[in-house]
């Protein structure tokens, strides 16, 4: 094979690869982007764009968090490879069902959304951001040794951080 034919073959293979890759990309509309639908009673996934649409547009107000939601929310920062995150996930689903009319539950994959993890300085997962309608957002980190204790802790933190209830300081002390 001579050099011009070899280079044509390389260019054709490269163009074919680019065309195939572009076929797998979702089409972008020219109009405004559609806002993700939030499902009550579910843990709704967020990426950077949906976070800015539904939770906080940190480009528009970079110095102060202006929550966009109409209900308090809990955001689970997780990764698929994280074993404690996999323990927390079904518990978050249960709580989303329990509080479906009162609280919106979201999840952010920190591997896919590094910008959000860096924005909140999430360097330990699982991490849970509680955003009440009044007051400051607060983080909760990690899980307890058993799923039952984890469920109790999560429920207690929701009642404390979202509803402002006094915490039971005797329940989760290490002995």
Protein backbone atom coordinates (compact mmCIF):
# COMPACT_ATOMS: atom_id res chain seq x y z
CA UNK A 1 0.00 0.00 0.00
CA UNK A 2 1.46 3.39 -0.96
CA UNK A 3 1.60 6.38 1.43
CA UNK A 4 -1.35 8.40 0.01
CA UNK A 5 -3.66 5.35 0.21
CA UNK A 6 -2.54 4.59 3.77
CA UNK A 7 -3.22 8.17 4.90
CA UNK A 8 -6.64 8.15 3.21
CA UNK A 9 -7.45 4.93 5.03
CA UNK A 10 -6.39 6.46 8.39
CA UNK A 11 -8.47 9.59 7.75
CA UNK A 12 -11.51 7.51 6.75
CA UNK A 13 -11.22 5.38 9.91
CA UNK A 14 -10.88 8.50 12.07
CA UNK A 15 -13.90 10.18 10.45
CA UNK A 16 -15.96 7.01 10.78
CA UNK A 17 -15.05 6.86 14.49
CA UNK A 18 -16.01 10.50 15.00
CA UNK A 19 -19.33 10.03 13.23
CA UNK A 20 -20.10 6.90 15.28
CA UNK A 21 -19.23 8.70 18.51
CA UNK A 22 -21.40 11.67 17.63
CA UNK A 23 -24.36 9.35 16.99
CA UNK A 24 -24.26 8.34 20.66
CA UNK A 25 -24.47 11.94 21.89
CA UNK A 26 -27.90 13.29 22.84
CA UNK A 27 -29.22 15.91 20.47
CA UNK A 28 -29.03 19.50 21.75
CA UNK A 29 -32.00 21.68 21.10
CA UNK A 30 -31.58 25.29 20.15
CA UNK A 31 -34.20 26.44 22.66
CA UNK A 32 -33.98 26.48 26.44
CA UNK A 33 -32.95 23.21 28.07
CA UNK A 34 -35.68 21.14 29.65
CA UNK A 35 -35.57 21.02 33.45
CA UNK A 36 -35.35 17.52 34.92
CA UNK A 37 -38.59 16.27 36.44
CA UNK A 38 -38.33 15.65 40.19
CA UNK A 39 -40.16 12.55 41.39
CA UNK A 40 -41.57 12.69 44.93
CA UNK A 41 -40.69 9.65 47.00
CA UNK A 42 -37.57 8.92 44.91
CA UNK A 43 -33.90 9.83 45.19
CA UNK A 44 -33.47 11.93 42.05
CA UNK A 45 -30.07 12.01 40.32
CA UNK A 46 -28.44 15.40 39.77
CA UNK A 47 -25.67 16.48 37.45
CA UNK A 48 -24.14 19.96 37.31
CA UNK A 49 -26.84 21.38 35.03
CA UNK A 50 -29.80 19.96 36.93
CA UNK A 51 -28.20 21.03 40.23
CA UNK A 52 -28.02 24.60 38.93
CA UNK A 53 -31.63 24.39 37.69
CA UNK A 54 -33.17 22.77 40.77
CA UNK A 55 -30.98 23.54 43.78
CA UNK A 56 -28.59 26.49 43.43
CA UNK A 57 -27.25 28.41 40.45
CA UNK A 58 -23.82 29.11 41.90
CA UNK A 59 -22.80 30.98 38.75
CA UNK A 60 -25.59 33.52 39.23
CA UNK A 61 -25.03 33.89 43.00
CA UNK A 62 -21.50 32.64 43.76
CA UNK A 63 -21.14 34.17 47.22
CA UNK A 64 -24.44 33.08 48.78
CA UNK A 65 -26.44 29.92 48.40
CA UNK A 66 -29.90 30.78 47.12
CA UNK A 67 -31.93 27.58 47.29
CA UNK A 68 -34.35 27.26 44.37
CA UNK A 69 -36.58 24.53 45.78
CA UNK A 70 -40.06 24.83 47.24
CA UNK A 71 -39.43 22.03 49.79
CA UNK A 72 -36.37 21.22 51.90
CA UNK A 73 -33.98 18.72 50.35
CA UNK A 74 -31.33 16.16 51.20
CA UNK A 75 -28.52 15.55 48.71
CA UNK A 76 -26.54 12.30 48.87
CA UNK A 77 -22.96 12.67 47.54
CA UNK A 78 -21.83 9.14 46.63
CA UNK A 79 -19.75 7.00 44.28
CA UNK A 80 -20.64 3.62 42.79
CA UNK A 81 -17.45 1.97 44.12
CA UNK A 82 -18.04 3.19 47.71
CA UNK A 83 -19.28 0.37 49.98
CA UNK A 84 -20.76 2.68 52.70
CA UNK A 85 -22.55 4.58 49.91
CA UNK A 86 -24.14 1.31 48.78
CA UNK A 87 -25.32 0.70 52.36
CA UNK A 88 -26.76 4.23 52.56
CA UNK A 89 -28.52 4.15 49.18
CA UNK A 90 -31.52 1.90 50.04
CA UNK A 91 -31.94 3.77 53.34
CA UNK A 92 -32.11 7.05 51.43
CA UNK A 93 -34.74 5.46 49.15
CA UNK A 94 -36.80 4.45 52.22
CA UNK A 95 -36.57 7.95 53.68
CA UNK A 96 -37.50 9.50 50.34
CA UNK A 97 -40.67 7.40 50.40
CA UNK A 98 -41.37 8.24 54.05
CA UNK A 99 -40.95 12.01 53.52
CA UNK A 100 -42.24 12.12 49.92
CA UNK A 101 -44.66 15.00 50.51
CA UNK A 102 -42.27 17.01 52.70
CA UNK A 103 -38.66 16.68 51.49
CA UNK A 104 -37.01 16.27 48.08
CA UNK A 105 -34.17 13.74 47.92
CA UNK A 106 -31.34 13.99 45.40
CA UNK A 107 -28.09 12.15 44.73
CA UNK A 108 -24.86 13.34 43.11
CA UNK A 109 -22.29 10.88 41.78
CA UNK A 110 -19.00 12.53 42.80
CA UNK A 111 -17.02 10.66 40.14
CA UNK A 112 -19.24 12.03 37.37
CA UNK A 113 -19.76 15.49 38.92
CA UNK A 114 -16.40 16.53 40.31
CA UNK A 115 -17.34 20.20 39.99
CA UNK A 116 -20.12 19.77 42.57
CA UNK A 117 -17.91 17.71 44.88
CA UNK A 118 -15.23 20.44 44.71
CA UNK A 119 -17.80 23.22 45.18
CA UNK A 120 -18.87 21.71 48.51
CA UNK A 121 -15.39 20.40 49.39
CA UNK A 122 -16.70 16.85 49.60
CA UNK A 123 -13.63 14.72 50.19
CA UNK A 124 -15.32 11.99 52.26
CA UNK A 125 -18.26 9.95 51.04
CA UNK A 126 -20.98 9.27 51.69
CA UNK A 127 -21.81 12.87 52.51
CA UNK A 128 -25.33 14.23 52.93
CA UNK A 129 -26.22 17.88 52.47
CA UNK A 130 -29.41 18.90 54.29
CA UNK A 131 -30.95 22.11 52.92
CA UNK A 132 -33.83 23.41 55.05
CA UNK A 133 -36.21 26.12 53.86
CA UNK A 134 -35.03 28.35 56.72
CA UNK A 135 -31.49 28.43 58.07
CA UNK A 136 -28.14 27.23 56.81
CA UNK A 137 -27.46 24.00 54.91
CA UNK A 138 -25.62 21.39 56.98
CA UNK A 139 -23.56 18.34 56.11
CA UNK A 140 -23.66 14.88 57.66
CA UNK A 141 -20.87 12.41 56.86
CA UNK A 142 -20.64 8.64 56.90
CA UNK A 143 -22.81 5.84 58.18
CA UNK A 144 -23.18 3.83 61.39
CA UNK A 145 -21.97 0.22 61.90
CA UNK A 146 -25.34 -1.34 60.98
CA UNK A 147 -28.09 -0.42 58.50
CA UNK A 148 -30.64 -0.09 61.35
CA UNK A 149 -28.45 2.38 63.25
CA UNK A 150 -27.73 4.23 60.00
CA UNK A 151 -31.47 4.53 59.32
CA UNK A 152 -32.04 5.88 62.84
CA UNK A 153 -29.18 8.37 62.48
CA UNK A 154 -30.37 9.61 59.09
CA UNK A 155 -33.91 10.03 60.35
CA UNK A 156 -32.65 11.89 63.45
CA UNK A 157 -30.47 14.19 61.34
CA UNK A 158 -33.39 14.97 59.03
CA UNK A 159 -35.54 15.87 62.03
CA UNK A 160 -32.73 17.99 63.49
CA UNK A 161 -31.38 19.70 60.35
CA UNK A 162 -34.59 20.08 58.34
CA UNK A 163 -37.24 20.45 61.05
CA UNK A 164 -35.09 21.99 63.78
CA UNK A 165 -35.89 19.36 66.41
CA UNK A 166 -33.52 19.03 69.34
CA UNK A 167 -31.19 16.05 68.85
CA UNK A 168 -31.17 13.11 71.26
CA UNK A 169 -27.59 13.46 72.43
CA UNK A 170 -27.64 10.14 74.29
CA UNK A 171 -28.65 7.88 71.39
CA UNK A 172 -25.57 7.94 69.15
CA UNK A 173 -22.70 8.42 71.62
CA UNK A 174 -19.78 6.05 71.33
CA UNK A 175 -19.08 4.09 74.48
